[in-house]
């Protein structure tokens, strides 16, 4: 089981302003969560970003849209979605088909192999998520989610 790292003294890590301290805490927590998820998913040969994209495709199947539409639903959308889809396609995890009405749009679907992978990975991902939120009550976790969504809305998207 992974150990929880002790928190450094506030004077060692806190920038000068309270807003800066909040940004630092958020960035540090995000980095630690990414490492925790990466360790959990590594035995399955999948990255946290790929796992998230497969989950988005699974939820959005049949709703249309291409890469830009999928990107809107990722935690950290970026220009790499096409390359990530290329890798998932090569691995046999997704299939893609051009829209018959708009050739610019490419619809993406999970293959049976991807569905099986998601089912196999789910317990390890859930265990990592439990570890991440171990110190929070359900109410605190829900409050954190609301606050983080508000922060995300405040930040402009390129």
Protein backbone atom coordinates (compact mmCIF):
# COMPACT_ATOMS: atom_id res chain seq x y z
CA UNK A 1 0.00 0.00 0.00
CA UNK A 2 1.25 3.47 -0.81
CA UNK A 3 2.21 5.68 2.12
CA UNK A 4 0.85 9.15 2.60
CA UNK A 5 3.69 11.64 2.60
CA UNK A 6 3.98 13.97 5.58
CA UNK A 7 3.13 17.59 4.84
CA UNK A 8 6.07 19.99 4.92
CA UNK A 9 5.95 22.90 7.32
CA UNK A 10 3.95 25.82 5.94
CA UNK A 11 6.98 28.10 6.01
CA UNK A 12 8.83 25.73 3.65
CA UNK A 13 6.24 25.75 0.89
CA UNK A 14 3.88 28.69 1.16
CA UNK A 15 4.38 31.57 -1.23
CA UNK A 16 3.73 35.07 0.08
CA UNK A 17 0.05 35.60 -0.73
CA UNK A 18 -2.89 33.43 0.23
CA UNK A 19 -3.96 33.14 -3.43
CA UNK A 20 -0.45 31.99 -4.34
CA UNK A 21 -0.52 29.50 -1.46
CA UNK A 22 -3.81 28.12 -2.78
CA UNK A 23 -2.45 27.80 -6.31
CA UNK A 24 0.67 26.06 -4.99
CA UNK A 25 -1.41 23.64 -2.88
CA UNK A 26 -3.65 22.88 -5.86
CA UNK A 27 -0.68 22.27 -8.18
CA UNK A 28 1.08 20.09 -5.61
CA UNK A 29 -2.08 18.05 -4.97
CA UNK A 30 -2.65 17.64 -8.71
CA UNK A 31 0.91 16.41 -9.24
CA UNK A 32 0.57 13.91 -6.40
CA UNK A 33 -2.78 12.67 -7.71
CA UNK A 34 -1.30 12.24 -11.20
CA UNK A 35 1.56 10.17 -9.76
CA UNK A 36 -0.88 8.04 -7.74
CA UNK A 37 -3.05 7.34 -10.79
CA UNK A 38 0.00 6.68 -12.97
CA UNK A 39 1.26 4.05 -10.52
CA UNK A 40 -2.17 2.39 -10.42
CA UNK A 41 -2.57 2.29 -14.21
CA UNK A 42 1.01 1.45 -15.21
CA UNK A 43 0.57 -2.35 -14.83
CA UNK A 44 -2.20 -2.16 -17.43
CA UNK A 45 -0.05 -0.33 -19.99
CA UNK A 46 -2.22 2.77 -20.01
CA UNK A 47 -1.64 6.35 -18.90
CA UNK A 48 -4.00 8.42 -16.78
CA UNK A 49 -4.72 10.64 -19.81
CA UNK A 50 -5.53 7.64 -21.98
CA UNK A 51 -7.74 6.17 -19.26
CA UNK A 52 -9.62 9.44 -18.92
CA UNK A 53 -10.08 9.71 -22.70
CA UNK A 54 -11.41 6.14 -22.91
CA UNK A 55 -13.87 6.96 -20.11
CA UNK A 56 -15.02 10.11 -21.93
CA UNK A 57 -15.53 8.15 -25.16
CA UNK A 58 -17.49 5.51 -23.24
CA UNK A 59 -19.83 8.11 -21.73
CA UNK A 60 -20.19 10.18 -24.91
CA UNK A 61 -20.70 7.31 -27.38
CA UNK A 62 -23.45 8.05 -29.86
CA UNK A 63 -23.51 11.77 -29.10
CA UNK A 64 -21.37 12.78 -32.06
CA UNK A 65 -18.51 15.22 -32.24
CA UNK A 66 -14.86 14.83 -33.00
CA UNK A 67 -11.61 15.52 -31.21
CA UNK A 68 -12.55 19.03 -30.13
CA UNK A 69 -15.81 17.77 -28.63
CA UNK A 70 -14.01 15.01 -26.73
CA UNK A 71 -11.41 17.53 -25.56
CA UNK A 72 -14.08 19.64 -23.89
CA UNK A 73 -14.73 16.79 -21.47
CA UNK A 74 -11.13 16.08 -20.47
CA UNK A 75 -9.53 17.46 -17.32
CA UNK A 76 -6.63 18.90 -19.28
CA UNK A 77 -7.64 19.16 -22.93
CA UNK A 78 -4.84 19.83 -25.31
CA UNK A 79 -3.63 19.51 -28.85
CA UNK A 80 -2.53 15.91 -28.24
CA UNK A 81 -6.00 14.36 -28.51
CA UNK A 82 -5.51 13.32 -32.13
CA UNK A 83 -2.12 11.75 -31.32
CA UNK A 84 -3.55 10.04 -28.26
CA UNK A 85 -6.41 8.67 -30.38
CA UNK A 86 -3.85 7.48 -32.94
CA UNK A 87 -2.04 5.54 -30.19
CA UNK A 88 -5.30 4.10 -28.86
CA UNK A 89 -6.32 3.14 -32.40
CA UNK A 90 -2.96 1.42 -32.97
CA UNK A 91 -3.43 -0.45 -29.68
CA UNK A 92 -6.84 -1.64 -30.89
CA UNK A 93 -8.72 0.27 -28.19
CA UNK A 94 -10.74 2.66 -30.38
CA UNK A 95 -12.20 2.72 -33.86
CA UNK A 96 -12.81 5.89 -35.84
CA UNK A 97 -15.21 6.67 -38.65
CA UNK A 98 -15.81 9.87 -40.62
CA UNK A 99 -19.21 11.49 -40.26
CA UNK A 100 -21.32 10.97 -43.39
CA UNK A 101 -22.73 14.51 -43.20
CA UNK A 102 -19.57 16.39 -42.19
CA UNK A 103 -16.29 14.82 -43.30
CA UNK A 104 -14.36 17.08 -40.92
CA UNK A 105 -15.85 15.18 -37.99
CA UNK A 106 -14.44 11.78 -37.04
CA UNK A 107 -16.54 9.73 -34.62
CA UNK A 108 -14.66 7.59 -32.13
CA UNK A 109 -15.93 4.45 -30.44
CA UNK A 110 -14.45 1.97 -28.00
CA UNK A 111 -13.59 -1.48 -29.21
CA UNK A 112 -14.48 -4.60 -27.23
CA UNK A 113 -10.83 -4.70 -26.16
CA UNK A 114 -11.16 -1.21 -24.62
CA UNK A 115 -14.39 -2.08 -22.81
CA UNK A 116 -12.67 -5.14 -21.35
CA UNK A 117 -9.64 -3.04 -20.37
CA UNK A 118 -11.81 -0.45 -18.61
CA UNK A 119 -13.54 -3.22 -16.66
CA UNK A 120 -10.18 -4.74 -15.71
CA UNK A 121 -8.64 -1.40 -14.70
CA UNK A 122 -11.66 -0.18 -12.71
CA UNK A 123 -10.74 -1.79 -9.35
CA UNK A 124 -7.17 -0.43 -9.44
CA UNK A 125 -8.40 3.02 -10.43
CA UNK A 126 -11.03 2.96 -7.68
CA UNK A 127 -8.39 1.97 -5.13
CA UNK A 128 -6.19 4.88 -6.23
CA UNK A 129 -9.15 7.25 -6.00
CA UNK A 130 -9.92 5.99 -2.48
CA UNK A 131 -6.30 6.63 -1.51
CA UNK A 132 -6.44 10.14 -2.97
CA UNK A 133 -9.57 11.07 -1.01
CA UNK A 134 -8.87 9.01 2.12
CA UNK A 135 -8.65 12.03 4.43
CA UNK A 136 -11.92 13.60 3.28
CA UNK A 137 -15.49 12.87 4.23
CA UNK A 138 -18.00 12.39 1.41
CA UNK A 139 -19.35 15.87 2.11
CA UNK A 140 -15.86 17.41 1.95
CA UNK A 141 -15.12 15.59 -1.31
CA UNK A 142 -18.35 16.88 -2.83
CA UNK A 143 -17.59 20.41 -1.61
CA UNK A 144 -14.08 20.16 -3.09
CA UNK A 145 -15.55 19.08 -6.43
CA UNK A 146 -17.90 22.07 -6.47
CA UNK A 147 -15.06 24.47 -5.61
CA UNK A 148 -12.73 23.00 -8.24
CA UNK A 149 -15.43 23.27 -10.91
CA UNK A 150 -15.88 26.95 -10.00
CA UNK A 151 -12.12 27.52 -10.27
CA UNK A 152 -12.10 25.80 -13.67
CA UNK A 153 -14.93 28.09 -14.87
CA UNK A 154 -12.87 31.12 -13.84
CA UNK A 155 -9.95 30.13 -16.06
CA UNK A 156 -10.14 31.06 -19.75
CA UNK A 157 -9.74 28.32 -22.32
CA UNK A 158 -7.53 28.95 -25.32
